[in-house]
Amino acid sequence: MVAGVLLGCAVGLGAYNHWGLALGLGVPLTIAAVFVGPRPRRIDGALQGGHSSQQIPVTVEAITRSSLDASNLQPTLVTATISPPNDTEYRTRWLSAMPKGMVANLLSDADNRLPSSFIPPRPPESLPYQSGGEPVPEPEFGDNPAKSTLVYPVITVAVAAALFLGIGSGWHFSVSLPSTDIGSVIGDDGSDNLQERMDALAEKVVDTSPTAATNVLSLELGEDGSDRAYVLDPATGESLYVWYSASSDKWYGPDRNSTQFRAGKTFSLADVSGMRFNEIRDQMAAAIPPEIGGLKTMKVERSADNQPVLASATFGEVFEGEATMQADTTGKLAAWFQPGDFGAAMAQAARALEETGLSTSEPLFTRFEIRGTDSDTPIMRAGTIQNSGGVLMDFSDISRNGSLSIVPGSFPVFRSTDTPSRDYTDGAVAFDDISAQTFDAVRDDAMRRHSVDAFDRNRVDIQTSSTYVVDQYQTVIMVEVGPDSPIDYYTLDGRFIETE
C-alpha cells in the first residue's frame, strides 16, 4: 500500500505540473516506490524457517534442491518421515526455503534433525500413495512462487490508480495538495505497544473458560498486530485457540483442537503478570546487532514439560538475518554473544558450567564445540547447534551422560541421563585444558593454509573430539573455517597434524 501511495503521488505530481516539478519530485517518488514495492520471490509460498532451539527427528527419503541460481536460500522439495516428540510420526512432502548448509547436512545423513520452524504441520491425510482416499495434490517446484504473491503488486497498482484518478486536477501545485502521510496509510493500531497487546490477550484468555487462566500453553504476539493464545482444557485434553486479526480488528474463537501437550507444558497468567514486555523488547533490541532489524514476533511458553516459562522474541525480516532473544519471567535476558569471539564464547561456557555444577578441572567433555552463527558456516558433525551456532559441551562421567548447549540469545540448555559410562574418560578433556588462545591460533593457522578471507573468520566450526587420525584414535582439535575449506586436525596444544 505504501508503494502504491508513492507511485500515485509520482504520477499525479508529474502529470499535472511543470516538468521541473515532475523531475524533482516525481522521479524520486517513482524510484522509492520501486524499492518499497513488494516483489514475488522464488521462495515465496515455501516454508521459511528460522533459528529454533527445538530439533525434530526426521528420516529423509528424497530431497531435491533448485539450482537455478547460486544464492544460499533455495526452494527445496523434501519427502521425509517426521517423528515429533511425544507424538506419532507422519510422512509428508513439502517445499521449504532451505540454506545449502542444511541441505548438505541432510544429504550426509538421512536420519537427522531439523529445527521445528522448518517442520510442516501434520497433513490432514498421508501422501496419495499411502492412502486410498481422494488424491491430494503433491507440491512441485512449479507451485512457487504461489499465485497469491501477485496480490501485493496488484494492490500497489490499484492504490496508485485510485489515488491518481480520485484526486485528478487536485494534483496541480497551485491547489492545496491532499495529504499523503504515510503514517495514516499504514494505520496507527497500537501494534508497537506490546504490553497493551499482551494484556488484551490475557483478558481474552480469562474469558475463554473458568480454568483458562491457570492452563495457558502459549501467548503469541504476531506480525502486523495479529495475536493468538492456546489454552489447555484439563477436562478433555484439548486445546482452546483464540486469536485477534489486526486486518479485521476482530477477535475469533475459541476453537477446539487436539493437542499432544499436557499439564506439564502449561503455565498461569499470574506467572507472567510481572513481565514488562515493552521494556523487555527495548532491552533485547539494544542487545542484538542493529543490522538485524526490529521485532518480528514474541512468544511466551515453556520449551518443554516443567521447563521455565520464557518469552522468545524473533528479530529481523528474513531467515538468514533472523535472531532470537529470550527473557525469563523476572525480565532477565539471555546473553547475546558472537561465537566467533572465542574469548566471549569461553566466558559463556564457564558461566554455564558454574551454574550447572559441572567440574571444569575433571576430564568430562567428550566434545567441546564452538560454531559461528553466520550463514554458510560449515557443519562438521550433527548436533544441537548445527543450525543455530553457539557452544556445545557433551559430557560423560561415571554416573551419567549429557550435554550443555548455549545459543546466542537463549538461556543454556542442560540435558542429562542417568546412564553409567565405564570408560567415560576415554578421549575426554577438562574445560580448564581448553583455551581461547589455542583455538585462535588453530583458526589463524587454518585460514593461512587455505587462504580463507578475513570476512569469513567468524564462519568457523571448531571442536575437541576423539577421532581416528594418523592410524590411531586420539583426542584432537578439529577446525573448518569458511564455506568451502576442508577439515584440519591439530593436537590439543595447537600443533598441526593433517588435513582431511
Protein backbone atom coordinates (compact mmCIF):
# COMPACT_ATOMS: atom_id res chain seq x y z
CA MET A 1 0.00 0.00 0.00
CA VAL A 2 2.87 2.39 0.82
CA ALA A 3 4.40 1.69 -2.60
CA GLY A 4 1.02 2.42 -4.22
CA VAL A 5 0.79 5.77 -2.44
CA LEU A 6 4.31 6.73 -3.56
CA LEU A 7 3.61 5.67 -7.15
CA GLY A 8 0.27 7.50 -7.22
CA CYS A 9 1.90 10.69 -5.91
CA ALA A 10 4.69 10.41 -8.50
CA VAL A 11 2.25 10.04 -11.41
CA GLY A 12 -0.12 12.72 -10.11
CA LEU A 13 2.55 15.35 -9.47
CA GLY A 14 4.26 14.58 -12.77
CA ALA A 15 1.10 14.66 -14.89
CA TYR A 16 -0.42 17.90 -13.59
CA ASN A 17 2.63 20.09 -13.01
CA HIS A 18 5.64 21.67 -14.70
CA TRP A 19 8.32 19.26 -15.94
CA GLY A 20 10.74 20.60 -13.33
CA LEU A 21 8.43 19.53 -10.52
CA ALA A 22 7.89 16.18 -12.23
CA LEU A 23 11.66 15.69 -12.41
CA GLY A 24 12.33 16.90 -8.88
CA LEU A 25 9.53 15.02 -7.10
CA GLY A 26 8.03 12.50 -9.50
CA VAL A 27 11.24 10.66 -10.34
CA PRO A 28 12.45 10.23 -6.71
CA LEU A 29 8.98 9.08 -5.67
CA THR A 30 8.90 6.55 -8.51
CA ILE A 31 12.31 5.20 -7.52
CA ALA A 32 11.17 4.98 -3.89
CA ALA A 33 8.03 3.10 -4.98
CA VAL A 34 10.15 0.60 -6.90
CA PHE A 35 12.34 -0.08 -3.87
CA VAL A 36 9.45 -0.25 -1.39
CA GLY A 37 7.10 -2.24 -3.64
CA PRO A 38 6.76 -5.96 -2.89
CA ARG A 39 8.12 -8.41 -5.45
CA PRO A 40 7.38 -12.13 -5.77
CA ARG A 41 10.42 -14.24 -4.96
CA ARG A 42 11.15 -17.84 -5.87
CA ILE A 43 10.95 -18.82 -2.21
CA ASP A 44 7.63 -17.07 -1.54
CA GLY A 45 4.99 -19.57 -0.50
CA ALA A 46 7.59 -22.13 0.56
CA LEU A 47 8.04 -22.93 4.25
CA GLN A 48 10.63 -20.49 5.60
CA GLY A 49 12.01 -21.41 9.00
CA GLY A 50 14.18 -19.54 11.45
CA HIS A 51 16.59 -20.36 14.24
CA SER A 52 14.96 -22.70 16.74
CA SER A 53 16.34 -24.43 19.80
CA GLN A 54 13.91 -27.36 19.36
CA GLN A 55 15.18 -30.03 16.95
CA ILE A 56 12.71 -32.55 15.49
CA PRO A 57 13.92 -36.03 14.32
CA VAL A 58 13.35 -36.70 10.62
CA THR A 59 14.14 -39.55 8.23
CA VAL A 60 14.66 -38.15 4.74
CA GLU A 61 13.65 -40.28 1.74
CA ALA A 62 14.20 -37.78 -1.04
CA ILE A 63 15.45 -34.21 -1.32
CA THR A 64 15.67 -32.03 -4.41
CA ARG A 65 17.17 -28.53 -4.32
CA SER A 66 16.70 -25.94 -7.04
CA SER A 67 19.88 -24.92 -8.83
CA LEU A 68 18.60 -22.04 -10.97
CA ASP A 69 20.96 -19.64 -9.23
CA ALA A 70 23.78 -19.68 -6.69
CA SER A 71 22.05 -17.98 -3.77
CA ASN A 72 22.23 -19.71 -0.39
CA LEU A 73 18.46 -19.91 0.14
CA GLN A 74 16.73 -22.07 -2.49
CA PRO A 75 13.36 -23.85 -2.86
CA THR A 76 13.91 -27.42 -1.67
CA LEU A 77 11.47 -30.30 -2.12
CA VAL A 78 11.66 -32.77 0.77
CA THR A 79 9.99 -36.13 1.34
CA ALA A 80 10.51 -37.37 4.88
CA THR A 81 9.06 -39.13 7.90
CA ILE A 82 8.76 -36.72 10.81
CA SER A 83 8.86 -38.01 14.40
CA PRO A 84 7.64 -35.27 16.77
CA PRO A 85 8.43 -35.90 20.45
CA ASN A 86 5.53 -37.41 22.38
CA ASP A 87 3.51 -37.88 19.21
CA THR A 88 3.04 -40.33 16.35
CA GLU A 89 5.30 -39.98 13.33
CA TYR A 90 3.93 -38.94 9.96
CA ARG A 91 5.18 -38.96 6.39
CA THR A 92 4.84 -35.89 4.22
CA ARG A 93 6.27 -33.93 1.33
CA TRP A 94 6.81 -30.19 1.41
CA LEU A 95 8.55 -27.24 -0.19
CA SER A 96 10.93 -25.33 2.04
CA ALA A 97 13.34 -22.45 1.60
CA MET A 98 16.46 -24.18 2.95
CA PRO A 99 20.03 -22.87 3.13
CA LYS A 100 22.57 -25.05 1.36
CA GLY A 101 24.35 -25.96 4.59
CA MET A 102 21.19 -27.53 5.96
CA VAL A 103 20.61 -29.44 2.71
CA ALA A 104 24.19 -30.72 2.74
CA ASN A 105 23.72 -31.95 6.29
CA LEU A 106 20.53 -33.83 5.34
CA LEU A 107 22.28 -35.38 2.33
CA SER A 108 25.13 -36.60 4.51
CA ASP A 109 22.79 -38.31 7.00
CA ALA A 110 19.18 -39.21 6.19
CA ASP A 111 18.41 -39.85 9.87
CA ASN A 112 18.78 -36.31 11.12
CA ARG A 113 17.09 -33.43 12.90
CA LEU A 114 15.53 -30.20 11.66
CA PRO A 115 14.63 -27.05 13.59
CA SER A 116 10.93 -27.05 14.48
CA SER A 117 10.44 -23.93 12.34
CA PHE A 118 11.34 -25.99 9.25
CA ILE A 119 8.83 -28.76 10.05
CA PRO A 120 5.49 -28.57 8.17
CA PRO A 121 2.22 -29.13 10.05
CA ARG A 122 0.79 -32.61 10.07
CA PRO A 123 -1.24 -33.05 6.84
CA PRO A 124 -4.95 -33.93 7.06
CA GLU A 125 -4.13 -37.25 5.40
CA SER A 126 -0.98 -39.08 4.35
CA LEU A 127 0.59 -38.95 0.91
CA PRO A 128 -1.59 -40.18 -2.02
CA TYR A 129 0.33 -43.41 -2.45
CA GLN A 130 -0.25 -44.23 1.20
CA SER A 131 -3.98 -43.61 1.19
CA GLY A 132 -6.96 -44.95 -0.65
CA GLY A 133 -8.83 -41.68 -0.26
CA GLU A 134 -9.15 -38.79 -2.64
CA PRO A 135 -5.70 -37.86 -4.00
CA VAL A 136 -4.06 -34.78 -2.55
CA PRO A 137 -2.01 -32.69 -5.00
CA GLU A 138 1.67 -33.09 -4.25
CA PRO A 139 3.79 -29.94 -4.05
CA GLU A 140 6.07 -29.30 -7.01
CA PHE A 141 8.67 -26.64 -7.86
CA GLY A 142 6.14 -25.13 -10.28
CA ASP A 143 3.93 -24.25 -7.32
CA ASN A 144 6.33 -21.45 -6.32
CA PRO A 145 6.09 -18.60 -6.17
CA ALA A 146 2.42 -19.05 -5.28
CA LYS A 147 -0.15 -17.09 -7.27
CA SER A 148 -1.08 -15.32 -4.05
CA THR A 149 2.25 -13.47 -4.18
CA LEU A 150 0.86 -11.42 -7.07
CA VAL A 151 -1.76 -9.92 -4.77
CA TYR A 152 0.62 -7.29 -3.34
CA PRO A 153 1.82 -5.90 -6.70
CA VAL A 154 -1.82 -5.77 -7.86
CA ILE A 155 -2.76 -3.86 -4.71
CA THR A 156 0.15 -1.46 -5.31
CA VAL A 157 -1.06 -0.63 -8.82
CA ALA A 158 -4.69 -0.38 -7.67
CA VAL A 159 -3.84 2.05 -4.86
CA ALA A 160 -1.74 4.17 -7.24
CA ALA A 161 -4.55 4.28 -9.82
CA ALA A 162 -7.20 5.10 -7.22
CA LEU A 163 -5.08 7.87 -5.75
CA PHE A 164 -4.21 9.36 -9.14
CA LEU A 165 -7.70 9.18 -10.67
CA GLY A 166 -9.55 10.05 -7.49
CA ILE A 167 -7.78 13.36 -6.96
CA GLY A 168 -7.49 14.38 -10.61
CA SER A 169 -6.65 18.05 -11.13
CA GLY A 170 -6.16 18.44 -7.41
CA TRP A 171 -2.58 17.33 -8.02
CA HIS A 172 -1.77 20.74 -9.52
CA PHE A 173 0.80 22.50 -7.37
CA SER A 174 -1.21 25.71 -7.07
CA VAL A 175 -4.03 23.82 -5.34
CA SER A 176 -3.80 22.54 -1.78
CA LEU A 177 -2.42 19.08 -2.11
CA PRO A 178 -4.19 16.12 -0.49
CA SER A 179 -2.49 14.51 2.48
CA THR A 180 -0.29 11.56 1.62
CA ASP A 181 1.03 10.99 5.12
CA ILE A 182 2.46 7.51 5.23
CA GLY A 183 1.54 7.06 8.89
CA SER A 184 -2.13 7.36 8.07
CA VAL A 185 -1.77 4.83 5.27
CA ILE A 186 -0.12 2.25 7.50
CA GLY A 187 -2.54 2.97 10.31
CA ASP A 188 -1.99 3.56 13.99
CA ASP A 189 -3.40 0.44 15.64
CA GLY A 190 -1.09 0.48 18.65
CA SER A 191 0.72 -2.66 17.46
CA ASP A 192 4.04 -1.31 18.80
CA ASN A 193 2.70 -1.40 22.35
CA LEU A 194 3.44 -4.99 23.33
CA GLN A 195 2.15 -4.52 26.87
CA GLU A 196 -1.31 -3.45 25.71
CA ARG A 197 -1.46 -6.33 23.24
CA MET A 198 -0.39 -8.89 25.85
CA ASP A 199 -2.87 -7.51 28.40
CA ALA A 200 -5.68 -7.73 25.83
CA LEU A 201 -4.65 -11.30 25.03
CA ALA A 202 -4.66 -12.21 28.73
CA GLU A 203 -8.17 -10.77 29.13
CA LYS A 204 -9.37 -12.88 26.22
CA VAL A 205 -7.80 -15.97 27.77
CA VAL A 206 -9.69 -15.37 31.02
CA ASP A 207 -12.96 -15.18 29.06
CA THR A 208 -12.24 -18.47 27.29
CA SER A 209 -13.07 -20.82 30.17
CA PRO A 210 -13.11 -20.86 34.00
CA THR A 211 -9.81 -22.79 34.10
CA ALA A 212 -8.04 -20.99 31.25
CA ALA A 213 -6.06 -18.53 33.38
CA THR A 214 -4.08 -21.36 35.02
CA ASN A 215 -3.74 -23.62 31.97
CA VAL A 216 -2.09 -21.42 29.33
CA LEU A 217 0.02 -23.19 26.70
CA SER A 218 1.30 -20.12 24.85
CA LEU A 219 0.76 -16.40 24.31
CA GLU A 220 1.92 -15.16 20.90
CA LEU A 221 2.28 -11.64 19.52
CA GLY A 222 2.49 -11.98 15.75
CA GLU A 223 3.40 -9.72 12.88
CA ASP A 224 1.24 -6.71 11.99
CA GLY A 225 -0.56 -6.74 15.34
CA SER A 226 -2.21 -10.16 14.95
CA ASP A 227 -2.05 -12.18 18.18
CA ARG A 228 -3.11 -15.62 19.45
CA ALA A 229 -3.27 -17.76 22.58
CA TYR A 230 -3.51 -21.50 23.20
CA VAL A 231 -5.07 -22.88 26.39
CA LEU A 232 -5.33 -26.48 27.62
CA ASP A 233 -8.74 -27.78 28.67
CA PRO A 234 -7.82 -30.09 31.59
CA ALA A 235 -11.19 -31.85 31.37
CA THR A 236 -10.80 -33.04 27.76
CA GLY A 237 -7.09 -32.74 26.94
CA GLU A 238 -7.93 -30.46 24.00
CA SER A 239 -6.50 -27.04 23.28
CA LEU A 240 -8.60 -23.89 23.02
CA TYR A 241 -7.42 -21.35 20.48
CA VAL A 242 -8.32 -17.65 20.39
CA TRP A 243 -6.85 -15.08 18.04
CA TYR A 244 -7.04 -11.45 17.03
CA SER A 245 -6.87 -10.27 13.42
CA ALA A 246 -5.48 -6.77 13.03
CA SER A 247 -6.77 -6.55 9.45
CA SER A 248 -10.39 -7.05 10.54
CA ASP A 249 -9.93 -5.65 14.07
CA LYS A 250 -11.85 -8.63 15.48
CA TRP A 251 -11.33 -11.46 17.94
CA TYR A 252 -12.12 -15.03 16.90
CA GLY A 253 -12.61 -18.34 18.72
CA PRO A 254 -12.29 -20.18 20.92
CA ASP A 255 -11.76 -23.15 18.61
CA ARG A 256 -11.08 -26.65 19.92
CA ASN A 257 -8.27 -28.84 18.60
CA SER A 258 -6.46 -31.97 19.70
CA THR A 259 -3.03 -31.43 21.24
CA GLN A 260 -0.12 -33.53 22.45
CA PHE A 261 0.59 -31.14 25.32
CA ARG A 262 -0.50 -31.78 28.90
CA ALA A 263 -0.31 -30.08 32.30
CA GLY A 264 3.50 -30.01 32.42
CA LYS A 265 3.54 -27.61 29.46
CA THR A 266 1.03 -25.14 30.94
CA PHE A 267 1.59 -22.01 32.98
CA SER A 268 -0.53 -19.42 34.73
CA LEU A 269 -1.22 -15.84 33.71
CA ALA A 270 0.00 -14.95 37.19
CA ASP A 271 3.43 -16.33 36.22
CA VAL A 272 3.84 -13.62 33.57
CA SER A 273 1.89 -10.79 35.19
CA GLY A 274 5.09 -9.06 36.32
CA MET A 275 6.73 -9.06 32.90
CA ARG A 276 7.12 -5.63 31.29
CA PHE A 277 7.03 -6.53 27.63
CA ASN A 278 7.82 -3.09 26.20
CA GLU A 279 10.92 -2.84 28.39
CA ILE A 280 11.93 -6.41 27.53
CA ARG A 281 11.58 -5.65 23.81
CA ASP A 282 13.68 -2.49 24.11
CA GLN A 283 16.42 -4.25 26.10
CA MET A 284 16.52 -7.09 23.58
CA ALA A 285 16.77 -4.66 20.67
CA ALA A 286 19.69 -2.93 22.39
CA ALA A 287 21.49 -6.24 22.98
CA ILE A 288 21.47 -7.61 19.42
CA PRO A 289 23.41 -6.11 16.49
CA PRO A 290 21.41 -3.20 14.99
CA GLU A 291 21.74 -4.52 11.43
CA ILE A 292 19.49 -7.49 12.27
CA GLY A 293 16.37 -5.31 12.36
CA GLY A 294 13.31 -4.81 14.52
CA LEU A 295 10.96 -7.10 16.40
CA LYS A 296 9.05 -9.64 14.33
CA THR A 297 7.24 -11.87 16.84
CA MET A 298 7.19 -12.67 20.55
CA LYS A 299 6.00 -15.92 22.13
CA VAL A 300 5.62 -16.85 25.80
CA GLU A 301 5.66 -20.58 26.64
CA ARG A 302 7.54 -23.43 28.28
CA SER A 303 10.01 -25.05 25.88
CA ALA A 304 9.14 -28.48 27.31
CA ASP A 305 7.29 -30.00 30.26
CA ASN A 306 8.18 -28.37 33.57
CA GLN A 307 10.80 -26.11 31.98
CA PRO A 308 10.91 -22.39 32.86
CA VAL A 309 8.40 -20.01 31.27
CA LEU A 310 10.28 -17.87 28.75
CA ALA A 311 9.48 -15.07 26.33
CA SER A 312 11.19 -15.71 22.98
CA ALA A 313 11.34 -12.81 20.52
CA THR A 314 12.34 -13.02 16.87
CA PHE A 315 14.07 -10.05 15.24
CA GLY A 316 14.80 -9.49 11.55
CA GLU A 317 12.99 -9.79 8.24
CA VAL A 318 14.47 -12.88 6.54
CA PHE A 319 15.73 -16.25 7.75
CA GLU A 320 19.41 -15.59 7.11
CA GLY A 321 19.34 -12.43 9.21
CA GLU A 322 16.97 -13.54 11.97
CA ALA A 323 17.91 -13.60 15.64
CA THR A 324 16.05 -14.96 18.67
CA MET A 325 16.30 -13.49 22.17
CA GLN A 326 14.86 -14.96 25.37
CA ALA A 327 13.80 -13.42 28.66
CA ASP A 328 12.55 -15.12 31.82
CA THR A 329 9.57 -14.04 33.92
CA THR A 330 11.74 -11.70 36.00
CA GLY A 331 12.74 -9.80 32.86
CA LYS A 332 16.30 -11.18 32.84
CA LEU A 333 17.66 -11.52 29.30
CA ALA A 334 19.75 -14.37 27.96
CA ALA A 335 23.25 -13.37 26.92
CA TRP A 336 23.95 -12.34 23.35
CA PHE A 337 27.48 -13.10 22.16
CA GLN A 338 29.45 -13.70 18.97
CA PRO A 339 30.66 -17.35 18.98
CA GLY A 340 33.48 -16.38 16.60
CA ASP A 341 34.92 -14.40 19.51
CA PHE A 342 36.35 -17.44 21.29
CA GLY A 343 37.07 -15.46 24.45
CA ALA A 344 33.42 -14.44 24.76
CA ALA A 345 32.25 -17.97 23.95
CA MET A 346 34.56 -19.48 26.58
CA ALA A 347 33.31 -16.98 29.16
CA GLN A 348 29.70 -18.01 28.49
CA ALA A 349 30.69 -21.67 28.76
CA ALA A 350 32.45 -21.10 32.10
CA ARG A 351 29.40 -19.26 33.47
CA ALA A 352 27.05 -22.06 32.38
CA LEU A 353 29.30 -24.74 33.88
CA GLU A 354 29.31 -22.90 37.19
CA GLU A 355 25.50 -22.70 37.17
CA THR A 356 25.10 -26.41 36.42
CA GLY A 357 27.78 -27.57 38.85
CA LEU A 358 29.88 -29.44 36.28
CA SER A 359 33.58 -29.60 37.13
CA THR A 360 35.97 -27.59 34.99
CA SER A 361 39.07 -29.46 36.17
CA GLU A 362 37.99 -33.07 35.54
CA PRO A 363 38.18 -34.71 32.07
CA LEU A 364 34.42 -34.89 31.44
CA PHE A 365 33.95 -33.42 27.99
CA THR A 366 33.93 -35.84 25.07
CA ARG A 367 33.08 -32.96 22.74
CA PHE A 368 33.60 -29.23 23.16
CA GLU A 369 32.40 -27.30 20.12
CA ILE A 370 32.08 -23.65 19.14
CA ARG A 371 30.20 -22.90 15.92
CA GLY A 372 29.51 -19.50 14.37
CA THR A 373 26.07 -18.10 13.64
CA ASP A 374 26.73 -16.53 10.22
CA SER A 375 25.10 -18.06 7.16
CA ASP A 376 27.30 -20.56 5.28
CA THR A 377 29.12 -21.54 8.48
CA PRO A 378 30.29 -25.16 7.97
CA ILE A 379 28.79 -28.08 9.90
CA MET A 380 31.41 -30.70 10.76
CA ARG A 381 29.14 -33.02 12.75
CA ALA A 382 25.45 -33.19 13.56
CA GLY A 383 24.45 -31.75 16.93
CA THR A 384 22.08 -29.43 18.73
CA ILE A 385 23.91 -26.30 17.50
CA GLN A 386 24.35 -27.42 13.88
CA ASN A 387 21.77 -24.86 12.70
CA SER A 388 21.82 -22.20 15.39
CA GLY A 389 25.51 -21.94 16.22
CA GLY A 390 26.84 -21.39 19.74
CA VAL A 391 28.65 -23.63 22.22
CA LEU A 392 28.05 -27.37 22.74
CA MET A 393 29.60 -29.45 25.52
CA ASP A 394 28.91 -33.20 25.55
CA PHE A 395 29.96 -34.71 28.87
CA SER A 396 30.17 -38.15 30.43
CA ASP A 397 31.10 -39.32 33.91
CA ILE A 398 30.78 -42.48 35.93
CA SER A 399 27.06 -41.99 36.61
CA ARG A 400 25.57 -40.02 33.71
CA ASN A 401 25.83 -38.69 30.18
CA GLY A 402 24.52 -35.41 28.86
CA SER A 403 25.11 -32.13 27.11
CA LEU A 404 25.13 -28.42 27.79
CA SER A 405 24.36 -26.12 24.87
CA ILE A 406 24.48 -22.32 24.73
CA VAL A 407 22.93 -20.49 21.77
CA PRO A 408 23.39 -16.70 21.48
CA GLY A 409 20.27 -15.01 22.80
CA SER A 410 18.97 -18.18 24.51
CA PHE A 411 19.42 -19.49 28.03
CA PRO A 412 21.73 -22.52 28.41
CA VAL A 413 20.03 -25.90 27.94
CA PHE A 414 21.23 -28.73 30.20
CA ARG A 415 20.34 -32.34 29.28
CA SER A 416 21.35 -35.34 31.35
CA THR A 417 20.51 -39.05 31.59
CA ASP A 418 21.49 -41.30 34.49
CA THR A 419 23.41 -43.69 32.27
CA PRO A 420 26.68 -45.00 33.74
CA SER A 421 29.71 -44.86 31.46
CA ARG A 422 32.50 -47.29 32.34
CA ASP A 423 35.05 -45.71 30.00
CA TYR A 424 33.85 -42.16 30.41
CA THR A 425 37.39 -40.69 30.44
CA ASP A 426 38.36 -42.08 27.01
CA GLY A 427 39.02 -39.11 24.77
CA ALA A 428 37.56 -36.63 27.26
CA VAL A 429 39.17 -33.33 28.18
CA ALA A 430 38.80 -30.93 31.07
CA PHE A 431 37.43 -27.48 30.39
CA ASP A 432 40.49 -25.97 32.06
CA ASP A 433 42.69 -27.69 29.43
CA ILE A 434 40.99 -25.76 26.60
CA SER A 435 41.88 -22.15 25.92
CA ALA A 436 40.60 -19.42 23.63
CA GLN A 437 44.21 -18.58 22.76
CA THR A 438 44.84 -22.10 21.40
CA PHE A 439 41.58 -22.06 19.45
CA ASP A 440 42.51 -18.66 17.97
CA ALA A 441 45.96 -19.92 16.96
CA VAL A 442 44.46 -23.02 15.33
CA ARG A 443 41.93 -20.94 13.40
CA ASP A 444 44.60 -18.48 12.23
CA ASP A 445 46.79 -21.33 11.00
CA ALA A 446 43.89 -22.99 9.13
CA MET A 447 43.00 -19.68 7.47
CA ARG A 448 46.59 -19.25 6.28
CA ARG A 449 46.79 -22.80 4.96
CA HIS A 450 43.63 -22.49 2.88
CA SER A 451 43.72 -18.75 2.04
CA VAL A 452 40.44 -18.05 3.84
CA ASP A 453 39.22 -14.45 3.54
CA ALA A 454 39.24 -12.33 6.69
CA PHE A 455 35.49 -11.69 6.41
CA ASP A 456 34.91 -15.46 6.81
CA ARG A 457 36.74 -15.56 10.14
CA ASN A 458 33.56 -15.99 12.20
CA ARG A 459 32.23 -18.69 9.84
CA VAL A 460 34.02 -21.28 11.93
CA ASP A 461 33.25 -24.69 13.41
CA ILE A 462 35.89 -25.86 15.89
CA GLN A 463 35.73 -28.69 18.40
CA THR A 464 37.69 -31.14 20.52
CA SER A 465 36.84 -34.79 19.93
CA SER A 466 38.33 -38.27 19.93
CA THR A 467 38.67 -39.43 16.33
CA TYR A 468 40.78 -41.65 14.10
CA VAL A 469 43.75 -39.62 12.85
CA VAL A 470 47.12 -40.87 11.55
CA ASP A 471 46.35 -44.56 12.13
CA GLN A 472 45.14 -44.21 15.70
CA TYR A 473 42.35 -42.82 17.86
CA GLN A 474 43.38 -39.64 19.61
CA THR A 475 41.82 -36.53 21.08
CA VAL A 476 42.32 -33.63 18.70
CA ILE A 477 41.11 -30.17 17.78
CA MET A 478 39.14 -30.20 14.52
CA VAL A 479 38.53 -26.93 12.67
CA GLU A 480 36.81 -25.79 9.49
CA VAL A 481 36.76 -22.09 8.54
CA GLY A 482 34.75 -20.59 5.70
CA PRO A 483 32.12 -22.21 3.49
CA ASP A 484 34.47 -24.30 1.30
CA SER A 485 37.54 -25.20 3.37
CA PRO A 486 38.47 -28.76 4.40
CA ILE A 487 38.74 -30.00 7.98
CA ASP A 488 42.14 -29.65 9.66
CA TYR A 489 43.31 -31.65 12.68
CA TYR A 490 45.53 -30.30 15.47
CA THR A 491 46.84 -31.55 18.78
CA LEU A 492 45.29 -30.12 21.94
CA ASP A 493 48.23 -27.73 22.27
CA GLY A 494 47.69 -26.41 18.72
CA ARG A 495 50.24 -28.32 16.57
CA PHE A 496 49.07 -29.19 13.06
CA ILE A 497 48.55 -32.92 12.34
CA GLU A 498 46.90 -33.24 8.92
CA THR A 499 44.16 -32.04 6.57
CA GLU A 500 41.25 -34.33 5.88
